[in-house]
Amino acid sequence: MQSMVDTIYGYVLTYGINIIAALLIFIIGKWLSHMAVGFVEQVMLKANMEKTLTSFTRHIVYAGLITFVFIAALNRLGIQTTSFIAIIGAAGLAVGLALQGSLSNFAAGVMLIIVKPFKVGDFIEAAGAMGTVREIQIFNTLLDAPDNRRIVVPNSKITADNITNFSGIEKRRVDLVFSISYGDDMRKAKEVLEQVIVADARVLKDPKPVIAVSALAESSVDLVCRPWVKPQDYWAVYFYMLETGKLALEKNGMTIPFPQRDVHLYNNAAK
């Protein structure tokens, strides 16, 4: 009986110490992991890194540290972790092969956050989609289209194509074309359009707007009207100028021409 008690006591003493040590390793390691992740996050925030990149880095660092702590705790219990690490590596390789597209989107997302070809709130055109950037996620970028549609664009498609950032520069040119007939006073038409531009407070003074003859077409004289505005005022000014310019030209006696054709009919019945 005494020998059995001694045996049980020996097992409890041996494995109990290992279990307690493993628990201490896990608890202290988890606490240190939180401290390390907090330090990394503070450093990145002080460096004015993108919030999306900061959050993602925090999760990656924490996952790596917790994995290391977990393996250290298992090793303290006497469990052979060599095969365990090999299994994790093989599983990671299999998952990586299965998620090649997602990994490419992840890498592209990191590049977008670091290089910053655009930021949240910019109006862009990329990968065949156009809209205001709502959020730059790890795998996708969310765009809000002008007609209030939510567009989800994979990051890898954005980095693989041209990116047009309409908000990247503080000034944007509005390109308009007005046509008048050959019998109209061209100089007067230019003065009328200039008055329309000057009357709109949204049009910038610098650079100066351009009003000039762009083409002598078959049925019309085409005038380009190019005021400069802030990016957020582009569409409002575009639609306003298009309507107001036409009405102003008509009010001042200009005619908006349209294509005309002369049709000649021949009667060959007498032949």
Protein backbone atom coordinates (compact mmCIF):
# COMPACT_ATOMS: atom_id res chain seq x y z
CA MET A 1 0.00 0.00 0.00
CA GLN A 2 2.76 2.36 0.95
CA SER A 3 4.60 1.64 -2.28
CA MET A 4 1.47 2.52 -4.31
CA VAL A 5 1.13 5.81 -2.43
CA ASP A 6 4.76 6.57 -3.06
CA THR A 7 4.32 5.79 -6.77
CA ILE A 8 1.26 8.06 -7.04
CA TYR A 9 3.06 10.76 -5.11
CA GLY A 10 6.03 10.50 -7.49
CA TYR A 11 3.77 10.83 -10.58
CA VAL A 12 1.91 13.78 -9.08
CA LEU A 13 5.17 15.45 -8.10
CA THR A 14 6.76 14.92 -11.51
CA TYR A 15 3.82 15.69 -13.80
CA GLY A 16 2.25 18.21 -11.45
CA ILE A 17 5.37 20.37 -11.59
CA ASN A 18 5.43 20.05 -15.39
CA ILE A 19 1.76 20.99 -15.67
CA ILE A 20 2.18 23.99 -13.38
CA ALA A 21 5.31 25.05 -15.28
CA ALA A 22 3.47 24.69 -18.60
CA LEU A 23 0.56 26.78 -17.31
CA LEU A 24 2.96 29.45 -16.07
CA ILE A 25 4.73 29.48 -19.43
CA PHE A 26 1.41 29.89 -21.24
CA ILE A 27 0.02 32.59 -18.91
CA ILE A 28 3.23 34.63 -18.73
CA GLY A 29 3.87 34.12 -22.46
CA LYS A 30 0.37 35.32 -23.30
CA TRP A 31 0.83 38.40 -21.12
CA LEU A 32 4.19 39.17 -22.72
CA SER A 33 2.62 38.67 -26.15
CA HIS A 34 -0.02 41.28 -25.36
CA MET A 35 2.71 43.64 -24.16
CA ALA A 36 4.78 43.09 -27.32
CA VAL A 37 1.77 43.57 -29.59
CA GLY A 38 0.83 46.78 -27.78
CA PHE A 39 4.38 48.08 -28.21
CA VAL A 40 4.37 47.28 -31.94
CA GLU A 41 1.00 48.98 -32.35
CA GLN A 42 2.16 52.13 -30.55
CA VAL A 43 5.30 52.33 -32.70
CA MET A 44 3.27 52.00 -35.90
CA LEU A 45 0.71 54.59 -34.78
CA LYS A 46 3.46 57.07 -33.89
CA ALA A 47 4.92 56.49 -37.35
CA ASN A 48 1.51 57.43 -38.83
CA MET A 49 1.10 54.05 -40.48
CA GLU A 50 -2.24 53.19 -42.08
CA LYS A 51 -4.77 51.91 -39.51
CA THR A 52 -5.57 48.89 -41.65
CA LEU A 53 -1.90 47.86 -41.80
CA THR A 54 -1.48 48.49 -38.06
CA SER A 55 -4.44 46.29 -37.17
CA PHE A 56 -3.35 43.51 -39.49
CA THR A 57 0.24 43.58 -38.23
CA ARG A 58 -1.00 43.43 -34.64
CA HIS A 59 -3.01 40.27 -35.36
CA ILE A 60 -0.15 38.62 -37.26
CA VAL A 61 2.42 39.34 -34.51
CA TYR A 62 0.07 38.15 -31.79
CA ALA A 63 -0.75 34.91 -33.67
CA GLY A 64 2.96 34.18 -34.16
CA LEU A 65 3.85 34.84 -30.51
CA ILE A 66 0.95 32.76 -29.17
CA THR A 67 1.95 29.87 -31.42
CA PHE A 68 5.50 30.04 -30.06
CA VAL A 69 4.23 30.15 -26.44
CA PHE A 70 1.88 27.20 -27.05
CA ILE A 71 4.70 25.08 -28.49
CA ALA A 72 6.95 26.01 -25.55
CA ALA A 73 4.24 24.94 -23.08
CA LEU A 74 3.75 21.60 -24.85
CA ASN A 75 7.49 21.03 -24.81
CA ARG A 76 7.54 21.62 -21.04
CA LEU A 77 4.91 18.90 -20.63
CA GLY A 78 7.27 16.50 -22.33
CA ILE A 79 5.39 16.34 -25.62
CA GLN A 80 7.68 16.04 -28.63
CA THR A 81 7.02 19.20 -30.61
CA THR A 82 9.24 18.37 -33.59
CA SER A 83 6.56 16.34 -35.31
CA PHE A 84 3.96 18.89 -34.22
CA ILE A 85 5.92 21.69 -35.90
CA ALA A 86 6.27 19.54 -39.03
CA ILE A 87 2.50 18.99 -39.11
CA ILE A 88 1.88 22.73 -38.74
CA GLY A 89 4.33 23.43 -41.56
CA ALA A 90 2.71 20.88 -43.86
CA ALA A 91 -0.74 22.22 -43.05
CA GLY A 92 0.45 25.76 -43.68
CA LEU A 93 1.87 24.73 -47.07
CA ALA A 94 -1.39 23.03 -48.03
CA VAL A 95 -3.45 26.03 -46.97
CA GLY A 96 -1.08 28.34 -48.81
CA LEU A 97 -1.44 26.38 -52.05
CA ALA A 98 -5.22 26.33 -51.67
CA LEU A 99 -5.38 30.06 -51.02
CA GLN A 100 -2.98 31.38 -53.64
CA GLY A 101 -5.51 33.94 -54.85
CA SER A 102 -6.22 35.15 -51.32
CA LEU A 103 -2.52 35.41 -50.55
CA SER A 104 -1.94 37.47 -53.69
CA ASN A 105 -4.80 39.74 -52.64
CA PHE A 106 -3.24 40.03 -49.19
CA ALA A 107 0.16 40.96 -50.64
CA ALA A 108 -1.50 43.48 -52.95
CA GLY A 109 -3.42 44.94 -50.00
CA VAL A 110 -0.20 45.45 -48.06
CA MET A 111 1.34 47.17 -51.09
CA LEU A 112 -1.68 49.46 -51.43
CA ILE A 113 -1.41 50.44 -47.78
CA ILE A 114 2.35 51.05 -47.95
CA VAL A 115 2.60 52.75 -51.36
CA LYS A 116 -0.72 54.66 -50.91
CA PRO A 117 -1.79 55.33 -54.53
CA PHE A 118 -5.09 56.40 -52.95
CA LYS A 119 -6.66 56.75 -49.51
CA VAL A 120 -10.08 56.41 -47.96
CA GLY A 121 -12.39 59.09 -49.36
CA ASP A 122 -10.64 59.39 -52.75
CA PHE A 123 -12.65 58.96 -55.95
CA ILE A 124 -10.81 56.46 -58.14
CA GLU A 125 -11.13 54.24 -61.18
CA ALA A 126 -9.39 50.88 -60.95
CA ALA A 127 -9.90 47.34 -62.29
CA GLY A 128 -12.86 48.50 -64.37
CA ALA A 129 -14.70 49.97 -61.36
CA MET A 130 -15.23 53.59 -60.37
CA GLY A 131 -16.23 54.99 -57.00
CA THR A 132 -15.25 56.57 -53.71
CA VAL A 133 -12.88 54.47 -51.57
CA ARG A 134 -14.76 53.46 -48.44
CA GLU A 135 -12.28 51.01 -46.94
CA ILE A 136 -8.98 49.35 -47.85
CA GLN A 137 -9.20 45.82 -46.45
CA ILE A 138 -6.58 43.11 -46.38
CA PHE A 139 -8.02 41.18 -49.32
CA ASN A 140 -10.41 43.65 -50.97
CA THR A 141 -11.03 47.36 -51.45
CA LEU A 142 -14.57 48.67 -50.98
CA LEU A 143 -15.80 51.36 -53.37
CA ASP A 144 -19.04 53.35 -53.21
CA ALA A 145 -20.24 54.01 -56.75
CA PRO A 146 -21.86 57.38 -57.61
CA ASP A 147 -25.26 55.63 -57.86
CA ASN A 148 -24.81 54.27 -54.31
CA ARG A 149 -23.69 50.75 -55.21
CA ARG A 150 -21.11 48.99 -53.06
CA ILE A 151 -18.33 47.52 -55.20
CA VAL A 152 -15.88 44.96 -53.77
CA VAL A 153 -12.67 44.86 -55.82
CA PRO A 154 -9.91 42.27 -55.14
CA ASN A 155 -6.67 44.05 -54.29
CA SER A 156 -4.64 42.00 -56.76
CA LYS A 157 -6.80 43.26 -59.64
CA ILE A 158 -6.25 46.85 -58.55
CA THR A 159 -2.46 46.56 -58.42
CA ALA A 160 -2.41 44.69 -61.75
CA ASP A 161 -4.24 47.48 -63.60
CA ASN A 162 -4.04 51.22 -64.07
CA ILE A 163 -5.26 53.34 -61.14
CA THR A 164 -6.82 56.73 -61.84
CA ASN A 165 -7.11 58.86 -58.71
CA PHE A 166 -9.46 61.76 -59.43
CA SER A 167 -8.96 63.14 -55.90
CA GLY A 168 -5.17 62.88 -55.86
CA ILE A 169 -4.76 66.48 -57.02
CA GLU A 170 -6.68 69.38 -55.51
CA LYS A 171 -7.80 70.74 -58.90
CA ARG A 172 -9.72 69.03 -61.68
CA ARG A 173 -10.60 70.33 -65.13
CA VAL A 174 -14.16 70.16 -66.45
CA ASP A 175 -14.16 69.52 -70.21
CA LEU A 176 -17.25 70.79 -72.05
CA VAL A 177 -17.98 71.29 -75.74
CA PHE A 178 -20.61 73.74 -77.06
CA SER A 179 -21.53 73.92 -80.73
CA ILE A 180 -22.81 76.96 -82.60
CA SER A 181 -23.76 77.39 -86.22
CA TYR A 182 -21.46 78.98 -88.80
CA GLY A 183 -23.75 82.02 -89.01
CA ASP A 184 -23.45 82.86 -85.29
CA ASP A 185 -21.08 85.41 -83.79
CA MET A 186 -18.23 83.29 -82.48
CA ARG A 187 -16.71 86.05 -80.31
CA LYS A 188 -20.03 86.78 -78.68
CA ALA A 189 -20.53 83.08 -77.95
CA LYS A 190 -17.18 82.98 -76.18
CA GLU A 191 -18.13 86.04 -74.11
CA VAL A 192 -21.43 84.43 -73.10
CA LEU A 193 -19.69 81.26 -71.94
CA GLU A 194 -17.11 83.30 -70.05
CA GLN A 195 -19.89 85.13 -68.20
CA VAL A 196 -21.45 81.80 -67.20
CA ILE A 197 -18.13 80.61 -65.81
CA VAL A 198 -17.36 83.81 -63.90
CA ALA A 199 -20.81 83.76 -62.30
CA ASP A 200 -20.20 80.35 -60.69
CA ALA A 201 -18.30 80.69 -57.38
CA ARG A 202 -17.23 77.04 -57.54
CA VAL A 203 -14.97 77.70 -60.53
CA LEU A 204 -11.38 78.35 -59.47
CA LYS A 205 -9.60 81.53 -60.54
CA ASP A 206 -6.30 79.74 -60.98
CA PRO A 207 -5.70 78.11 -63.43
CA LYS A 208 -7.70 80.39 -65.68
CA PRO A 209 -10.58 78.77 -67.60
CA VAL A 210 -10.03 78.13 -71.30
CA ILE A 211 -12.65 78.94 -73.93
CA ALA A 212 -11.48 78.34 -77.51
CA VAL A 213 -12.47 76.98 -80.89
CA SER A 214 -11.70 73.27 -80.96
CA ALA A 215 -13.03 72.23 -84.35
CA LEU A 216 -14.72 73.43 -87.53
CA ALA A 217 -17.10 70.52 -87.95
CA GLU A 218 -19.42 69.71 -90.86
CA SER A 219 -22.44 71.44 -89.36
CA SER A 220 -21.06 73.49 -86.49
CA VAL A 221 -18.27 75.48 -84.91
CA ASP A 222 -17.24 73.65 -81.73
CA LEU A 223 -16.11 75.63 -78.68
CA VAL A 224 -14.33 73.98 -75.76
CA CYS A 225 -15.09 75.32 -72.30
CA ARG A 226 -12.62 74.18 -69.64
CA PRO A 227 -13.04 75.58 -66.12
CA TRP A 228 -11.10 74.22 -63.14
CA VAL A 229 -12.85 73.13 -59.94
CA LYS A 230 -12.24 71.19 -56.75
CA PRO A 231 -12.64 67.42 -57.22
CA GLN A 232 -15.75 67.28 -55.03
CA ASP A 233 -17.45 69.93 -57.21
CA TYR A 234 -16.72 68.26 -60.54
CA TRP A 235 -20.05 66.64 -61.39
CA ALA A 236 -22.18 69.44 -59.97
CA VAL A 237 -20.32 72.02 -62.07
CA TYR A 238 -20.30 69.74 -65.11
CA PHE A 239 -24.08 69.32 -65.18
CA TYR A 240 -24.74 72.95 -64.23
CA MET A 241 -22.43 74.35 -66.93
CA LEU A 242 -23.84 72.04 -69.58
CA GLU A 243 -27.38 73.24 -68.97
CA THR A 244 -26.67 76.88 -68.15
CA GLY A 245 -24.26 77.30 -71.07
CA LYS A 246 -26.80 76.02 -73.59
CA LEU A 247 -29.57 78.27 -72.22
CA ALA A 248 -27.27 81.30 -72.19
CA LEU A 249 -26.23 80.75 -75.80
CA GLU A 250 -29.83 80.39 -76.93
CA LYS A 251 -30.85 83.49 -74.95
CA ASN A 252 -28.21 85.50 -76.82
CA GLY A 253 -29.43 84.39 -80.25
CA MET A 254 -27.06 81.47 -80.83
CA THR A 255 -28.40 78.35 -82.50
CA ILE A 256 -27.39 74.84 -81.54
CA PRO A 257 -26.87 73.13 -84.91
CA PHE A 258 -27.65 69.56 -85.75
CA PRO A 259 -26.50 67.43 -88.71
CA GLN A 260 -28.45 68.03 -91.91
CA ARG A 261 -28.49 66.21 -95.21
CA ASP A 262 -29.85 67.20 -98.61
CA VAL A 263 -31.66 64.31 -100.29
CA HIS A 264 -32.05 64.45 -104.10
CA LEU A 265 -34.69 62.26 -105.77
CA TYR A 266 -34.43 61.48 -109.46
CA ASN A 267 -37.33 60.22 -111.56
CA ASN A 268 -36.03 57.81 -114.19
CA ALA A 269 -39.45 56.55 -115.30
CA ALA A 270 -39.33 58.58 -118.54
CA LYS A 271 -36.21 56.79 -119.73
